[in-house]
Full PDB file with SEQRES, HELIX, SHEET, SSBOND, CRYST1, ORIGX, SCALE, CONECT and MASTER records, all heavy atoms in Angstrom:
SEQRES   1 A   37  GLU GLN GLU LEU GLU LYS ALA LEU SER ARG LEU GLY THR          
SEQRES   2 A   37  GLU PHE ALA GLU LYS HIS GLN GLU VAL ILE GLU ALA LEU          
SEQRES   3 A   37  THR ARG GLY ILE VAL ASN LYS ILE LEU HIS ASP                  
HELIX    1 AA1 GLN A    2  LEU A   11  1                                  10    
HELIX    2 AA2 GLU A   17  HIS A   36  1                                  20    
CRYST1    1.000    1.000    1.000  90.00  90.00  90.00 P 1           1          
ORIGX1      1.000000  0.000000  0.000000        0.00000                         
ORIGX2      0.000000  1.000000  0.000000        0.00000                         
ORIGX3      0.000000  0.000000  1.000000        0.00000                         
SCALE1      1.000000  0.000000  0.000000        0.00000                         
SCALE2      0.000000  1.000000  0.000000        0.00000                         
SCALE3      0.000000  0.000000  1.000000        0.00000                         
ATOM      1  N   GLU A   1       3.632   3.940  -5.618  1.00  0.00           N  
ATOM      2  CA  GLU A   1       4.771   3.261  -4.994  1.00  0.00           C  
ATOM      3  C   GLU A   1       5.516   4.184  -4.024  1.00  0.00           C  
ATOM      4  O   GLU A   1       5.919   3.765  -2.933  1.00  0.00           O  
ATOM      5  CB  GLU A   1       5.727   2.764  -6.081  1.00  0.00           C  
ATOM      6  CG  GLU A   1       5.172   1.593  -6.884  1.00  0.00           C  
ATOM      7  CD  GLU A   1       6.068   1.212  -8.046  1.00  0.00           C  
ATOM      8  OE1 GLU A   1       7.048   1.957  -8.312  1.00  0.00           O  
ATOM      9  OE2 GLU A   1       5.795   0.182  -8.695  1.00  0.00           O  
ATOM     10  N   GLN A   2       5.674   5.453  -4.417  1.00  0.00           N  
ATOM     11  CA  GLN A   2       6.392   6.397  -3.560  1.00  0.00           C  
ATOM     12  C   GLN A   2       5.631   6.653  -2.258  1.00  0.00           C  
ATOM     13  O   GLN A   2       6.222   6.649  -1.161  1.00  0.00           O  
ATOM     14  CB  GLN A   2       6.612   7.721  -4.301  1.00  0.00           C  
ATOM     15  CG  GLN A   2       7.634   7.619  -5.433  1.00  0.00           C  
ATOM     16  CD  GLN A   2       7.676   8.871  -6.294  1.00  0.00           C  
ATOM     17  OE1 GLN A   2       6.787   9.735  -6.212  1.00  0.00           O  
ATOM     18  NE2 GLN A   2       8.716   8.973  -7.129  1.00  0.00           N  
ATOM     19  N   GLU A   3       4.327   6.875  -2.366  1.00  0.00           N  
ATOM     20  CA  GLU A   3       3.521   7.158  -1.173  1.00  0.00           C  
ATOM     21  C   GLU A   3       3.408   5.923  -0.289  1.00  0.00           C  
ATOM     22  O   GLU A   3       3.396   6.038   0.947  1.00  0.00           O  
ATOM     23  CB  GLU A   3       2.124   7.654  -1.594  1.00  0.00           C  
ATOM     24  CG  GLU A   3       2.126   9.005  -2.306  1.00  0.00           C  
ATOM     25  CD  GLU A   3       2.817  10.080  -1.468  1.00  0.00           C  
ATOM     26  OE1 GLU A   3       2.480  10.225  -0.265  1.00  0.00           O  
ATOM     27  OE2 GLU A   3       3.701  10.768  -2.011  1.00  0.00           O  
ATOM     28  N   LEU A   4       3.323   4.744  -0.894  1.00  0.00           N  
ATOM     29  CA  LEU A   4       3.262   3.508  -0.105  1.00  0.00           C  
ATOM     30  C   LEU A   4       4.551   3.313   0.680  1.00  0.00           C  
ATOM     31  O   LEU A   4       4.535   2.935   1.862  1.00  0.00           O  
ATOM     32  CB  LEU A   4       3.012   2.313  -1.037  1.00  0.00           C  
ATOM     33  CG  LEU A   4       2.940   0.945  -0.360  1.00  0.00           C  
ATOM     34  CD1 LEU A   4       1.805   0.876   0.661  1.00  0.00           C  
ATOM     35  CD2 LEU A   4       2.764  -0.155  -1.409  1.00  0.00           C  
ATOM     36  N   GLU A   5       5.676   3.589   0.023  1.00  0.00           N  
ATOM     37  CA  GLU A   5       6.968   3.434   0.691  1.00  0.00           C  
ATOM     38  C   GLU A   5       7.083   4.373   1.897  1.00  0.00           C  
ATOM     39  O   GLU A   5       7.559   3.983   2.972  1.00  0.00           O  
ATOM     40  CB  GLU A   5       8.097   3.711  -0.312  1.00  0.00           C  
ATOM     41  CG  GLU A   5       9.482   3.417   0.244  1.00  0.00           C  
ATOM     42  CD  GLU A   5      10.581   3.650  -0.789  1.00  0.00           C  
ATOM     43  OE1 GLU A   5      10.251   3.809  -1.989  1.00  0.00           O  
ATOM     44  OE2 GLU A   5      11.749   3.670  -0.379  1.00  0.00           O  
ATOM     45  N   LYS A   6       6.600   5.629   1.763  1.00  0.00           N  
ATOM     46  CA  LYS A   6       6.619   6.587   2.866  1.00  0.00           C  
ATOM     47  C   LYS A   6       5.773   6.076   4.032  1.00  0.00           C  
ATOM     48  O   LYS A   6       6.178   6.125   5.198  1.00  0.00           O  
ATOM     49  CB  LYS A   6       6.080   7.942   2.406  1.00  0.00           C  
ATOM     50  CG  LYS A   6       7.008   8.709   1.493  1.00  0.00           C  
ATOM     51  CD  LYS A   6       6.335  10.028   1.091  1.00  0.00           C  
ATOM     52  CE  LYS A   6       7.114  10.737  -0.004  1.00  0.00           C  
ATOM     53  NZ  LYS A   6       6.394  11.960  -0.457  1.00  0.00           N  
ATOM     54  N   ALA A   7       4.556   5.585   3.696  1.00  0.00           N  
ATOM     55  CA  ALA A   7       3.635   5.129   4.740  1.00  0.00           C  
ATOM     56  C   ALA A   7       4.223   3.938   5.501  1.00  0.00           C  
ATOM     57  O   ALA A   7       4.163   3.883   6.741  1.00  0.00           O  
ATOM     58  CB  ALA A   7       2.286   4.763   4.130  1.00  0.00           C  
ATOM     59  N   LEU A   8       4.806   2.992   4.772  1.00  0.00           N  
ATOM     60  CA  LEU A   8       5.368   1.790   5.413  1.00  0.00           C  
ATOM     61  C   LEU A   8       6.578   2.137   6.287  1.00  0.00           C  
ATOM     62  O   LEU A   8       6.788   1.525   7.340  1.00  0.00           O  
ATOM     63  CB  LEU A   8       5.753   0.764   4.346  1.00  0.00           C  
ATOM     64  CG  LEU A   8       4.584   0.111   3.589  1.00  0.00           C  
ATOM     65  CD1 LEU A   8       5.103  -0.793   2.484  1.00  0.00           C  
ATOM     66  CD2 LEU A   8       3.679  -0.676   4.546  1.00  0.00           C  
ATOM     67  N   SER A   9       7.358   3.135   5.847  1.00  0.00           N  
ATOM     68  CA  SER A   9       8.514   3.517   6.658  1.00  0.00           C  
ATOM     69  C   SER A   9       8.083   4.157   7.973  1.00  0.00           C  
ATOM     70  O   SER A   9       8.739   3.986   9.004  1.00  0.00           O  
ATOM     71  CB  SER A   9       9.422   4.471   5.880  1.00  0.00           C  
ATOM     72  OG  SER A   9       8.762   5.701   5.652  1.00  0.00           O  
ATOM     73  N   ARG A  10       6.955   4.883   7.965  1.00  0.00           N  
ATOM     74  CA  ARG A  10       6.447   5.487   9.204  1.00  0.00           C  
ATOM     75  C   ARG A  10       5.875   4.429  10.138  1.00  0.00           C  
ATOM     76  O   ARG A  10       5.900   4.582  11.356  1.00  0.00           O  
ATOM     77  CB  ARG A  10       5.377   6.538   8.871  1.00  0.00           C  
ATOM     78  CG  ARG A  10       5.946   7.814   8.275  1.00  0.00           C  
ATOM     79  CD  ARG A  10       4.957   8.968   8.381  1.00  0.00           C  
ATOM     80  NE  ARG A  10       3.729   8.715   7.635  1.00  0.00           N  
ATOM     81  CZ  ARG A  10       3.546   9.040   6.362  1.00  0.00           C  
ATOM     82  NH1 ARG A  10       4.532   9.633   5.697  1.00  0.00           N  
ATOM     83  NH2 ARG A  10       2.413   8.784   5.752  1.00  0.00           N  
ATOM     84  N   LEU A  11       5.316   3.349   9.567  1.00  0.00           N  
ATOM     85  CA  LEU A  11       4.724   2.300  10.397  1.00  0.00           C  
ATOM     86  C   LEU A  11       5.788   1.453  11.101  1.00  0.00           C  
ATOM     87  O   LEU A  11       5.510   0.770  12.088  1.00  0.00           O  
ATOM     88  CB  LEU A  11       3.823   1.403   9.550  1.00  0.00           C  
ATOM     89  CG  LEU A  11       2.504   2.056   9.080  1.00  0.00           C  
ATOM     90  CD1 LEU A  11       1.837   1.203   8.014  1.00  0.00           C  
ATOM     91  CD2 LEU A  11       1.558   2.272  10.252  1.00  0.00           C  
ATOM     92  N   GLY A  12       7.001   1.452  10.577  1.00  0.00           N  
ATOM     93  CA  GLY A  12       8.097   0.762  11.249  1.00  0.00           C  
ATOM     94  C   GLY A  12       8.208  -0.703  10.896  1.00  0.00           C  
ATOM     95  O   GLY A  12       7.326  -1.290  10.267  1.00  0.00           O  
ATOM     96  N   THR A  13       9.301  -1.319  11.349  1.00  0.00           N  
ATOM     97  CA  THR A  13       9.579  -2.718  10.995  1.00  0.00           C  
ATOM     98  C   THR A  13       8.656  -3.698  11.682  1.00  0.00           C  
ATOM     99  O   THR A  13       8.518  -4.835  11.228  1.00  0.00           O  
ATOM    100  CB  THR A  13      11.034  -3.057  11.378  1.00  0.00           C  
ATOM    101  OG1 THR A  13      11.227  -2.757  12.771  1.00  0.00           O  
ATOM    102  CG2 THR A  13      12.029  -2.269  10.540  1.00  0.00           C  
ATOM    103  N   GLU A  14       8.025  -3.250  12.817  1.00  0.00           N  
ATOM    104  CA  GLU A  14       7.160  -4.184  13.528  1.00  0.00           C  
ATOM    105  C   GLU A  14       5.853  -4.440  12.771  1.00  0.00           C  
ATOM    106  O   GLU A  14       5.084  -5.343  13.101  1.00  0.00           O  
ATOM    107  CB  GLU A  14       6.851  -3.660  14.948  1.00  0.00           C  
ATOM    108  CG  GLU A  14       5.934  -2.438  15.009  1.00  0.00           C  
ATOM    109  CD  GLU A  14       6.683  -1.133  14.777  1.00  0.00           C  
ATOM    110  OE1 GLU A  14       7.918  -1.182  14.528  1.00  0.00           O  
ATOM    111  OE2 GLU A  14       6.039  -0.075  14.825  1.00  0.00           O  
ATOM    112  N   PHE A  15       5.611  -3.614  11.725  1.00  0.00           N  
ATOM    113  CA  PHE A  15       4.374  -3.781  10.963  1.00  0.00           C  
ATOM    114  C   PHE A  15       4.440  -5.118  10.202  1.00  0.00           C  
ATOM    115  O   PHE A  15       5.357  -5.352   9.424  1.00  0.00           O  
ATOM    116  CB  PHE A  15       4.223  -2.611   9.993  1.00  0.00           C  
ATOM    117  CG  PHE A  15       2.834  -2.477   9.420  1.00  0.00           C  
ATOM    118  CD1 PHE A  15       1.754  -2.137  10.226  1.00  0.00           C  
ATOM    119  CD2 PHE A  15       2.608  -2.688   8.062  1.00  0.00           C  
ATOM    120  CE1 PHE A  15       0.487  -2.001   9.690  1.00  0.00           C  
ATOM    121  CE2 PHE A  15       1.336  -2.561   7.536  1.00  0.00           C  
ATOM    122  CZ  PHE A  15       0.276  -2.215   8.357  1.00  0.00           C  
ATOM    123  N   ALA A  16       3.494  -5.977  10.417  1.00  0.00           N  
ATOM    124  CA  ALA A  16       3.540  -7.340   9.887  1.00  0.00           C  
ATOM    125  C   ALA A  16       3.550  -7.360   8.359  1.00  0.00           C  
ATOM    126  O   ALA A  16       2.920  -6.518   7.718  1.00  0.00           O  
ATOM    127  CB  ALA A  16       2.349  -8.145  10.409  1.00  0.00           C  
ATOM    128  N   GLU A  17       4.275  -8.362   7.800  1.00  0.00           N  
ATOM    129  CA  GLU A  17       4.370  -8.488   6.336  1.00  0.00           C  
ATOM    130  C   GLU A  17       3.017  -8.685   5.685  1.00  0.00           C  
ATOM    131  O   GLU A  17       2.740  -8.151   4.615  1.00  0.00           O  
ATOM    132  CB  GLU A  17       5.301  -9.655   5.994  1.00  0.00           C  
ATOM    133  CG  GLU A  17       5.667  -9.701   4.509  1.00  0.00           C  
ATOM    134  CD  GLU A  17       6.678 -10.785   4.197  1.00  0.00           C  
ATOM    135  OE1 GLU A  17       7.687 -10.883   4.939  1.00  0.00           O  
ATOM    136  OE2 GLU A  17       6.439 -11.517   3.217  1.00  0.00           O  
ATOM    137  N   LYS A  18       2.148  -9.445   6.366  1.00  0.00           N  
ATOM    138  CA  LYS A  18       0.815  -9.689   5.772  1.00  0.00           C  
ATOM    139  C   LYS A  18       0.006  -8.400   5.680  1.00  0.00           C  
ATOM    140  O   LYS A  18      -0.791  -8.208   4.767  1.00  0.00           O  
ATOM    141  CB  LYS A  18       0.058 -10.743   6.570  1.00  0.00           C  
ATOM    142  CG  LYS A  18      -0.323 -10.347   7.988  1.00  0.00           C  
ATOM    143  CD  LYS A  18      -1.162 -11.448   8.642  1.00  0.00           C  
ATOM    144  CE  LYS A  18      -1.584 -11.034  10.063  1.00  0.00           C  
ATOM    145  NZ  LYS A  18      -2.406 -12.071  10.699  1.00  0.00           N  
ATOM    146  N   HIS A  19       0.244  -7.477   6.635  1.00  0.00           N  
ATOM    147  CA  HIS A  19      -0.449  -6.192   6.569  1.00  0.00           C  
ATOM    148  C   HIS A  19       0.073  -5.364   5.400  1.00  0.00           C  
ATOM    149  O   HIS A  19      -0.686  -4.638   4.767  1.00  0.00           O  
ATOM    150  CB  HIS A  19      -0.275  -5.430   7.882  1.00  0.00           C  
ATOM    151  CG  HIS A  19      -0.953  -6.110   9.038  1.00  0.00           C  
ATOM    152  ND1 HIS A  19      -0.477  -6.047  10.329  1.00  0.00           N  
ATOM    153  CD2 HIS A  19      -2.055  -6.900   9.086  1.00  0.00           C  
ATOM    154  CE1 HIS A  19      -1.260  -6.745  11.123  1.00  0.00           C  
ATOM    155  NE2 HIS A  19      -2.230  -7.275  10.388  1.00  0.00           N  
ATOM    156  N   GLN A  20       1.389  -5.484   5.137  1.00  0.00           N  
ATOM    157  CA  GLN A  20       1.952  -4.773   3.986  1.00  0.00           C  
ATOM    158  C   GLN A  20       1.313  -5.251   2.685  1.00  0.00           C  
ATOM    159  O   GLN A  20       1.014  -4.457   1.799  1.00  0.00           O  
ATOM    160  CB  GLN A  20       3.473  -5.003   3.934  1.00  0.00           C  
ATOM    161  CG  GLN A  20       4.242  -4.340   5.062  1.00  0.00           C  
ATOM    162  CD  GLN A  20       5.738  -4.551   4.907  1.00  0.00           C  
ATOM    163  OE1 GLN A  20       6.229  -4.725   3.798  1.00  0.00           O  
ATOM    164  NE2 GLN A  20       6.455  -4.528   6.021  1.00  0.00           N  
ATOM    165  N   GLU A  21       1.090  -6.551   2.587  1.00  0.00           N  
ATOM    166  CA  GLU A  21       0.463  -7.113   1.382  1.00  0.00           C  
ATOM    167  C   GLU A  21      -0.956  -6.597   1.212  1.00  0.00           C  
ATOM    168  O   GLU A  21      -1.405  -6.305   0.102  1.00  0.00           O  
ATOM    169  CB  GLU A  21       0.461  -8.641   1.452  1.00  0.00           C  
ATOM    170  CG  GLU A  21       1.844  -9.255   1.329  1.00  0.00           C  
ATOM    171  CD  GLU A  21       1.835 -10.762   1.525  1.00  0.00           C  
ATOM    172  OE1 GLU A  21       0.741 -11.319   1.755  1.00  0.00           O  
ATOM    173  OE2 GLU A  21       2.915 -11.377   1.453  1.00  0.00           O  
ATOM    174  N   VAL A  22      -1.673  -6.445   2.318  1.00  0.00           N  
ATOM    175  CA  VAL A  22      -3.050  -5.927   2.259  1.00  0.00           C  
ATOM    176  C   VAL A  22      -3.055  -4.490   1.753  1.00  0.00           C  
ATOM    177  O   VAL A  22      -3.850  -4.120   0.875  1.00  0.00           O  
ATOM    178  CB  VAL A  22      -3.728  -6.014   3.646  1.00  0.00           C  
ATOM    179  CG1 VAL A  22      -5.053  -5.262   3.646  1.00  0.00           C  
ATOM    180  CG2 VAL A  22      -3.958  -7.470   4.029  1.00  0.00           C  
ATOM    181  N   ILE A  23      -2.129  -3.677   2.307  1.00  0.00           N  
ATOM    182  CA  ILE A  23      -2.079  -2.272   1.882  1.00  0.00           C  
ATOM    183  C   ILE A  23      -1.628  -2.167   0.424  1.00  0.00           C  
ATOM    184  O   ILE A  23      -2.133  -1.337  -0.341  1.00  0.00           O  
ATOM    185  CB  ILE A  23      -1.137  -1.467   2.815  1.00  0.00           C  
ATOM    186  CG1 ILE A  23      -1.758  -1.380   4.207  1.00  0.00           C  
ATOM    187  CG2 ILE A  23      -0.883  -0.076   2.263  1.00  0.00           C  
ATOM    188  CD1 ILE A  23      -0.918  -0.642   5.218  1.00  0.00           C  
ATOM    189  N   GLU A  24      -0.678  -3.014   0.013  1.00  0.00           N  
ATOM    190  CA  GLU A  24      -0.240  -3.049  -1.394  1.00  0.00           C  
ATOM    191  C   GLU A  24      -1.420  -3.319  -2.314  1.00  0.00           C  
ATOM    192  O   GLU A  24      -1.649  -2.619  -3.313  1.00  0.00           O  
ATOM    193  CB  GLU A  24       0.828  -4.138  -1.568  1.00  0.00           C  
ATOM    194  CG  GLU A  24       1.254  -4.400  -3.005  1.00  0.00           C  
ATOM    195  CD  GLU A  24       2.332  -3.457  -3.497  1.00  0.00           C  
ATOM    196  OE1 GLU A  24       3.052  -2.875  -2.676  1.00  0.00           O  
ATOM    197  OE2 GLU A  24       2.425  -3.309  -4.732  1.00  0.00           O  
ATOM    198  N   ALA A  25      -2.215  -4.349  -1.988  1.00  0.00           N  
ATOM    199  CA  ALA A  25      -3.381  -4.704  -2.804  1.00  0.00           C  
ATOM    200  C   ALA A  25      -4.421  -3.585  -2.789  1.00  0.00           C  
ATOM    201  O   ALA A  25      -5.048  -3.278  -3.810  1.00  0.00           O  
ATOM    202  CB  ALA A  25      -3.999  -6.003  -2.290  1.00  0.00           C  
ATOM    203  N   LEU A  26      -4.603  -2.966  -1.628  1.00  0.00           N  
ATOM    204  CA  LEU A  26      -5.576  -1.871  -1.496  1.00  0.00           C  
ATOM    205  C   LEU A  26      -5.216  -0.707  -2.411  1.00  0.00           C  
ATOM    206  O   LEU A  26      -6.059  -0.196  -3.165  1.00  0.00           O  
ATOM    207  CB  LEU A  26      -5.617  -1.400  -0.036  1.00  0.00           C  
ATOM    208  CG  LEU A  26      -6.445  -0.133   0.234  1.00  0.00           C  
ATOM    209  CD1 LEU A  26      -7.928  -0.395  -0.016  1.00  0.00           C  
ATOM    210  CD2 LEU A  26      -6.221   0.362   1.671  1.00  0.00           C  
ATOM    211  N   THR A  27      -3.928  -0.285  -2.363  1.00  0.00           N  
ATOM    212  CA  THR A  27      -3.537   0.874  -3.182  1.00  0.00           C  
ATOM    213  C   THR A  27      -3.587   0.551  -4.677  1.00  0.00           C  
ATOM    214  O   THR A  27      -3.963   1.404  -5.482  1.00  0.00           O  
ATOM    215  CB  THR A  27      -2.119   1.344  -2.788  1.00  0.00           C  
ATOM    216  OG1 THR A  27      -1.206   0.235  -2.907  1.00  0.00           O  
ATOM    217  CG2 THR A  27      -2.097   1.872  -1.364  1.00  0.00           C  
ATOM    218  N   ARG A  28      -3.209  -0.674  -5.041  1.00  0.00           N  
ATOM    219  CA  ARG A  28      -3.319  -1.067  -6.453  1.00  0.00           C  
ATOM    220  C   ARG A  28      -4.774  -1.027  -6.906  1.00  0.00           C  
ATOM    221  O   ARG A  28      -5.076  -0.573  -8.016  1.00  0.00           O  
ATOM    222  CB  ARG A  28      -2.761  -2.479  -6.665  1.00  0.00           C  
ATOM    223  CG  ARG A  28      -1.265  -2.562  -6.768  1.00  0.00           C  
ATOM    224  CD  ARG A  28      -0.817  -3.942  -7.234  1.00  0.00           C  
ATOM    225  NE  ARG A  28       0.617  -4.069  -7.158  1.00  0.00           N  
ATOM    226  CZ  ARG A  28       1.464  -3.572  -8.055  1.00  0.00           C  
ATOM    227  NH1 ARG A  28       0.991  -2.913  -9.091  1.00  0.00           N  
ATOM    228  NH2 ARG A  28       2.766  -3.743  -7.905  1.00  0.00           N  
ATOM    229  N   GLY A  29      -5.653  -1.551  -6.079  1.00  0.00           N  
ATOM    230  CA  GLY A  29      -7.077  -1.563  -6.412  1.00  0.00           C  
ATOM    231  C   GLY A  29      -7.632  -0.170  -6.611  1.00  0.00           C  
ATOM    232  O   GLY A  29      -8.407   0.087  -7.543  1.00  0.00           O  
ATOM    233  N   ILE A  30      -7.218   0.772  -5.755  1.00  0.00           N  
ATOM    234  CA  ILE A  30      -7.686   2.157  -5.884  1.00  0.00           C  
ATOM    235  C   ILE A  30      -7.216   2.760  -7.202  1.00  0.00           C  
ATOM    236  O   ILE A  30      -7.987   3.380  -7.936  1.00  0.00           O  
ATOM    237  CB  ILE A  30      -7.184   2.998  -4.679  1.00  0.00           C  
ATOM    238  CG1 ILE A  30      -7.894   2.553  -3.390  1.00  0.00           C  
ATOM    239  CG2 ILE A  30      -7.425   4.490  -4.922  1.00  0.00           C  
ATOM    240  CD1 ILE A  30      -7.316   3.151  -2.117  1.00  0.00           C  
ATOM    241  N   VAL A  31      -5.926   2.557  -7.518  1.00  0.00           N  
ATOM    242  CA  VAL A  31      -5.378   3.091  -8.776  1.00  0.00           C  
ATOM    243  C   VAL A  31      -6.117   2.511  -9.981  1.00  0.00           C  
ATOM    244  O   VAL A  31      -6.501   3.238 -10.905  1.00  0.00           O  
ATOM    245  CB  VAL A  31      -3.861   2.779  -8.860  1.00  0.00           C  
ATOM    246  CG1 VAL A  31      -3.351   2.983 -10.287  1.00  0.00           C  
ATOM    247  CG2 VAL A  31      -3.082   3.648  -7.890  1.00  0.00           C  
ATOM    248  N   ASN A  32      -6.323   1.199  -9.991  1.00  0.00           N  
ATOM    249  CA  ASN A  32      -6.996   0.556 -11.135  1.00  0.00           C  
ATOM    250  C   ASN A  32      -8.412   1.072 -11.317  1.00  0.00           C  
ATOM    251  O   ASN A  32      -8.850   1.299 -12.449  1.00  0.00           O  
ATOM    252  CB  ASN A  32      -7.006  -0.962 -10.953  1.00  0.00           C  
ATOM    253  CG  ASN A  32      -5.634  -1.576 -11.139  1.00  0.00           C  
ATOM    254  OD1 ASN A  32      -4.768  -0.991 -11.787  1.00  0.00           O  
ATOM    255  ND2 ASN A  32      -5.408  -2.752 -10.558  1.00  0.00           N  
ATOM    256  N   LYS A  33      -9.121   1.254 -10.215  1.00  0.00           N  
ATOM    257  CA  LYS A  33     -10.513   1.727 -10.304  1.00  0.00           C  
ATOM    258  C   LYS A  33     -10.573   3.174 -10.782  1.00  0.00           C  
ATOM    259  O   LYS A  33     -11.448   3.547 -11.559  1.00  0.00           O  
ATOM    260  CB  LYS A  33     -11.224   1.567  -8.960  1.00  0.00           C  
ATOM    261  CG  LYS A  33     -11.565   0.117  -8.619  1.00  0.00           C  
ATOM    262  CD  LYS A  33     -12.376   0.006  -7.343  1.00  0.00           C  
ATOM    263  CE  LYS A  33     -12.634  -1.462  -6.985  1.00  0.00           C  
ATOM    264  NZ  LYS A  33     -13.409  -2.156  -8.018  1.00  0.00           N  
ATOM    265  N   ILE A  34      -9.630   3.992 -10.319  1.00  0.00           N  
ATOM    266  CA  ILE A  34      -9.613   5.396 -10.754  1.00  0.00           C  
ATOM    267  C   ILE A  34      -9.306   5.495 -12.248  1.00  0.00           C  
ATOM    268  O   ILE A  34      -9.902   6.283 -12.982  1.00  0.00           O  
ATOM    269  CB  ILE A  34      -8.573   6.196  -9.936  1.00  0.00           C  
ATOM    270  CG1 ILE A  34      -9.069   6.358  -8.487  1.00  0.00           C  
ATOM    271  CG2 ILE A  34      -8.318   7.567 -10.562  1.00  0.00           C  
ATOM    272  CD1 ILE A  34      -8.037   6.964  -7.553  1.00  0.00           C  
ATOM    273  N   LEU A  35      -8.375   4.671 -12.741  1.00  0.00           N  
ATOM    274  CA  LEU A  35      -7.948   4.758 -14.145  1.00  0.00           C  
ATOM    275  C   LEU A  35      -8.894   4.037 -15.108  1.00  0.00           C  
ATOM    276  O   LEU A  35      -8.891   4.334 -16.311  1.00  0.00           O  
ATOM    277  CB  LEU A  35      -6.542   4.168 -14.301  1.00  0.00           C  
ATOM    278  CG  LEU A  35      -5.394   4.938 -13.645  1.00  0.00           C  
ATOM    279  CD1 LEU A  35      -4.089   4.204 -13.876  1.00  0.00           C  
ATOM    280  CD2 LEU A  35      -5.307   6.353 -14.197  1.00  0.00           C  
ATOM    281  N   HIS A  36      -9.697   3.100 -14.609  1.00  0.00           N  
ATOM    282  CA  HIS A  36     -10.491   2.243 -15.490  1.00  0.00           C  
ATOM    283  C   HIS A  36     -11.406   3.038 -16.416  1.00  0.00           C  
ATOM    284  O   HIS A  36     -11.352   2.905 -17.645  1.00  0.00           O  
ATOM    285  CB  HIS A  36     -11.309   1.244 -14.658  1.00  0.00           C  
ATOM    286  CG  HIS A  36     -12.169   0.360 -15.505  1.00  0.00           C  
ATOM    287  ND1 HIS A  36     -13.505   0.627 -15.757  1.00  0.00           N  
ATOM    288  CD2 HIS A  36     -11.879  -0.776 -16.188  1.00  0.00           C  
ATOM    289  CE1 HIS A  36     -13.996  -0.314 -16.544  1.00  0.00           C  
ATOM    290  NE2 HIS A  36     -13.035  -1.182 -16.817  1.00  0.00           N  
ATOM    291  N   ASP A  37     -12.260   3.883 -15.878  1.00  0.00           N  
ATOM    292  CA  ASP A  37     -13.239   4.598 -16.716  1.00  0.00           C  
ATOM    293  C   ASP A  37     -12.586   5.534 -17.729  1.00  0.00           C  
ATOM    294  O   ASP A  37     -12.958   5.529 -18.916  1.00  0.00           O  
ATOM    295  CB  ASP A  37     -14.230   5.362 -15.840  1.00  0.00           C  
ATOM    296  CG  ASP A  37     -15.256   4.428 -15.187  1.00  0.00           C  
ATOM    297  OD1 ASP A  37     -15.362   3.275 -15.651  1.00  0.00           O  
ATOM    298  OD2 ASP A  37     -15.940   4.849 -14.241  1.00  0.00           O  
TER     299      ASP A  37                                                      
MASTER        0    0    0    2    0    0    0    6  298    1    0    3          
END                                                                             
């Protein structure tokens, strides 16, 4: 959550909401896959 917040703040307000949702899902997926095994 902390790293995602930093990345989104650098991308600025013009970054579309739908893109934020994609990145949110991407980072969650990475965390889940790393922790699963």
